[in-house]
């Protein structure tokens, strides 16, 4: 395993320090900064963490991360709010819904390197107010949860770039296989 430099962009969410700690525990250099950071520094991967913001396509967070997405060829993972930011950048749509807080069963629809050695279903921790209702352009669904008979998108991947989004929080201990998902992400370029 090569030691990687990972920038975590934390827009004020309660779990961003956990992302920092988990990446460090995996043996990588981990840096936690806010959205005003200099993205030009040479990092091996980027993680966009969660936060309390409610987003629109013109939100500061979306505009700022759009720069990173279009400038970098490195792997990018959006977690919770980061998932929503990436979705909006690529033309997805969010709908305010009943808050989702707590455990959620996730079902894998399509395997990918991000999901190496992950079983076809697992329990993940969620904490969000908005739901993806229109898939972003050039993205595919890797996993979903269910609300009654409706599939709720939980993991997306860009079809040609190493850009992923997860609606849940892999960094918390309540998420089964969360550390494995983070490890798979950081090692995508190997």
Protein backbone atom coordinates (compact mmCIF):
# COMPACT_ATOMS: atom_id res chain seq x y z
CA UNK A 1 0.00 0.00 0.00
CA UNK A 2 1.32 3.41 -0.94
CA UNK A 3 0.80 6.22 1.55
CA UNK A 4 -1.52 8.80 -0.02
CA UNK A 5 -2.17 12.50 0.62
CA UNK A 6 -5.92 13.01 1.06
CA UNK A 7 -7.60 16.41 1.35
CA UNK A 8 -10.89 16.37 3.24
CA UNK A 9 -13.01 19.42 2.57
CA UNK A 10 -15.17 19.85 5.63
CA UNK A 11 -18.01 22.32 5.23
CA UNK A 12 -18.85 22.39 8.94
CA UNK A 13 -20.38 18.95 9.38
CA UNK A 14 -20.13 17.09 12.66
CA UNK A 15 -18.51 13.99 11.14
CA UNK A 16 -15.65 15.55 9.16
CA UNK A 17 -13.14 15.02 11.97
CA UNK A 18 -14.09 11.33 11.90
CA UNK A 19 -13.30 11.18 8.17
CA UNK A 20 -9.92 12.75 8.96
CA UNK A 21 -9.27 10.20 11.73
CA UNK A 22 -10.37 7.18 9.66
CA UNK A 23 -8.13 8.14 6.73
CA UNK A 24 -5.21 8.64 9.16
CA UNK A 25 -5.94 5.26 10.79
CA UNK A 26 -5.72 3.69 7.32
CA UNK A 27 -2.11 4.92 7.18
CA UNK A 28 -2.50 7.93 4.90
CA UNK A 29 -1.69 11.63 5.26
CA UNK A 30 -4.98 13.32 6.03
CA UNK A 31 -5.68 17.05 5.80
CA UNK A 32 -8.94 18.67 6.91
CA UNK A 33 -9.67 22.12 5.48
CA UNK A 34 -12.67 24.28 4.68
CA UNK A 35 -13.97 25.12 1.21
CA UNK A 36 -11.73 28.19 0.94
CA UNK A 37 -8.65 25.95 0.77
CA UNK A 38 -6.12 25.90 -2.04
CA UNK A 39 -6.97 22.87 -4.19
CA UNK A 40 -3.87 23.34 -6.32
CA UNK A 41 -1.67 21.57 -3.77
CA UNK A 42 -0.82 18.10 -5.01
CA UNK A 43 -3.18 15.63 -3.32
CA UNK A 44 -3.79 12.02 -4.34
CA UNK A 45 -7.52 12.09 -3.53
CA UNK A 46 -10.25 14.44 -2.32
CA UNK A 47 -13.14 13.81 0.03
CA UNK A 48 -15.98 16.31 0.29
CA UNK A 49 -17.53 15.85 3.71
CA UNK A 50 -20.94 16.49 5.15
CA UNK A 51 -22.42 19.63 6.59
CA UNK A 52 -25.65 21.32 7.61
CA UNK A 53 -26.14 23.47 4.49
CA UNK A 54 -29.20 23.29 2.28
CA UNK A 55 -28.05 23.48 -1.31
CA UNK A 56 -29.11 24.89 -4.66
CA UNK A 57 -27.26 24.82 -7.97
CA UNK A 58 -25.98 28.33 -7.19
CA UNK A 59 -24.82 27.64 -3.64
CA UNK A 60 -21.30 28.74 -2.75
CA UNK A 61 -20.39 25.11 -1.92
CA UNK A 62 -21.50 23.91 -5.36
CA UNK A 63 -19.62 26.69 -7.18
CA UNK A 64 -16.44 26.08 -5.18
CA UNK A 65 -16.39 22.31 -5.63
CA UNK A 66 -17.22 22.68 -9.34
CA UNK A 67 -13.74 24.23 -9.70
CA UNK A 68 -12.14 21.20 -8.08
CA UNK A 69 -14.18 18.71 -10.11
CA UNK A 70 -13.27 20.31 -13.43
CA UNK A 71 -9.59 20.90 -12.57
CA UNK A 72 -8.63 17.61 -10.94
CA UNK A 73 -8.16 14.16 -12.43
CA UNK A 74 -7.71 12.64 -8.97
CA UNK A 75 -10.36 10.48 -7.24
CA UNK A 76 -13.14 12.46 -5.55
CA UNK A 77 -15.61 11.10 -2.99
CA UNK A 78 -18.62 13.09 -1.81
CA UNK A 79 -20.09 12.04 1.54
CA UNK A 80 -23.64 13.14 2.46
CA UNK A 81 -23.60 16.87 1.62
CA UNK A 82 -20.63 16.12 -0.66
CA UNK A 83 -22.82 13.56 -2.48
CA UNK A 84 -25.46 16.24 -2.94
CA UNK A 85 -22.91 18.83 -4.15
CA UNK A 86 -21.54 16.45 -6.79
CA UNK A 87 -25.08 15.57 -7.86
CA UNK A 88 -25.99 19.23 -8.39
CA UNK A 89 -22.77 19.98 -10.29
CA UNK A 90 -23.63 17.29 -12.81
CA UNK A 91 -27.29 18.20 -13.22
CA UNK A 92 -28.92 16.00 -10.62
CA UNK A 93 -31.88 17.21 -8.59
CA UNK A 94 -32.57 17.10 -4.86
CA UNK A 95 -35.90 17.14 -3.10
CA UNK A 96 -36.46 18.16 0.50
CA UNK A 97 -37.84 15.14 2.22
CA UNK A 98 -38.51 13.80 5.66
CA UNK A 99 -35.14 13.84 7.44
CA UNK A 100 -33.32 10.52 7.34
CA UNK A 101 -31.43 9.98 10.55
CA UNK A 102 -30.21 6.62 11.78
CA UNK A 103 -29.51 3.19 10.37
CA UNK A 104 -30.48 2.34 6.80
CA UNK A 105 -30.08 -0.96 4.95
CA UNK A 106 -28.12 -0.49 1.72
CA UNK A 107 -28.37 -2.86 -1.26
CA UNK A 108 -25.63 -3.06 -3.88
CA UNK A 109 -26.97 -2.91 -7.42
CA UNK A 110 -23.64 -2.89 -9.27
CA UNK A 111 -20.17 -3.73 -8.01
CA UNK A 112 -17.20 -1.46 -8.63
CA UNK A 113 -13.71 -1.02 -7.12
CA UNK A 114 -15.23 1.20 -4.39
CA UNK A 115 -17.23 -1.81 -3.21
CA UNK A 116 -14.51 -4.48 -3.26
CA UNK A 117 -15.06 -7.05 -0.50
CA UNK A 118 -18.38 -5.47 0.58
CA UNK A 119 -21.40 -7.82 0.89
CA UNK A 120 -24.46 -7.24 -1.29
CA UNK A 121 -26.26 -5.54 1.62
CA UNK A 122 -25.10 -3.75 4.75
CA UNK A 123 -26.34 -1.23 7.32
CA UNK A 124 -25.18 2.39 7.02
CA UNK A 125 -25.73 5.52 9.13
CA UNK A 126 -27.59 8.43 7.57
CA UNK A 127 -28.10 12.03 8.62
CA UNK A 128 -29.60 14.20 5.89
CA UNK A 129 -32.68 16.22 4.91
CA UNK A 130 -32.59 16.06 1.11
CA UNK A 131 -32.92 13.12 -1.29
CA UNK A 132 -31.56 12.72 -4.80
CA UNK A 133 -34.58 12.55 -7.13
CA UNK A 134 -32.87 12.95 -10.51
CA UNK A 135 -29.63 11.12 -11.24
CA UNK A 136 -26.78 13.41 -12.35
CA UNK A 137 -25.73 13.23 -16.00
CA UNK A 138 -23.01 10.64 -16.74
CA UNK A 139 -23.52 8.90 -13.38
CA UNK A 140 -24.76 5.42 -12.57
CA UNK A 141 -26.28 3.97 -9.41
CA UNK A 142 -24.14 1.48 -7.49
CA UNK A 143 -26.35 1.07 -4.42
CA UNK A 144 -29.74 2.04 -3.03
CA UNK A 145 -31.96 1.77 0.02
CA UNK A 146 -35.71 1.25 0.06
CA UNK A 147 -38.53 3.37 1.38
CA UNK A 148 -41.64 1.28 1.05
CA UNK A 149 -41.39 0.15 -2.60
CA UNK A 150 -39.30 3.14 -3.74
CA UNK A 151 -35.56 2.82 -4.35
CA UNK A 152 -33.53 5.67 -2.79
CA UNK A 153 -30.12 6.30 -4.39
CA UNK A 154 -27.28 5.78 -1.90
CA UNK A 155 -24.06 5.39 -3.98
CA UNK A 156 -23.32 6.89 -7.38
CA UNK A 157 -20.30 6.80 -9.68
CA UNK A 158 -19.34 8.90 -12.68
CA UNK A 159 -19.20 6.65 -15.76
CA UNK A 160 -15.75 7.78 -16.94
CA UNK A 161 -14.09 9.57 -13.99
CA UNK A 162 -13.13 8.43 -10.49
CA UNK A 163 -15.90 10.50 -8.90
CA UNK A 164 -18.18 8.85 -6.35
CA UNK A 165 -20.90 9.95 -3.99
CA UNK A 166 -22.34 8.18 -0.94
CA UNK A 167 -25.44 9.56 0.77
CA UNK A 168 -24.58 7.85 4.07
CA UNK A 169 -21.63 8.25 6.46
CA UNK A 170 -18.95 5.56 5.97
CA UNK A 171 -16.73 7.26 8.58
CA UNK A 172 -18.94 6.43 11.58
CA UNK A 173 -18.70 3.13 13.44
CA UNK A 174 -22.44 2.57 12.97
CA UNK A 175 -21.84 1.97 9.23
CA UNK A 176 -20.88 -1.60 8.49
CA UNK A 177 -17.87 -1.85 6.18
CA UNK A 178 -17.45 1.93 6.19
CA UNK A 179 -13.73 1.75 6.80
CA UNK A 180 -13.40 -0.73 3.92
CA UNK A 181 -15.27 1.64 1.60
CA UNK A 182 -12.95 4.52 2.57
CA UNK A 183 -9.91 2.29 2.10
CA UNK A 184 -11.13 1.16 -1.34
CA UNK A 185 -11.63 4.80 -2.32
CA UNK A 186 -8.18 6.00 -1.24
CA UNK A 187 -6.57 3.09 -3.11
CA UNK A 188 -8.46 3.52 -6.40
CA UNK A 189 -5.37 4.63 -8.34
CA UNK A 190 -3.24 1.62 -7.43
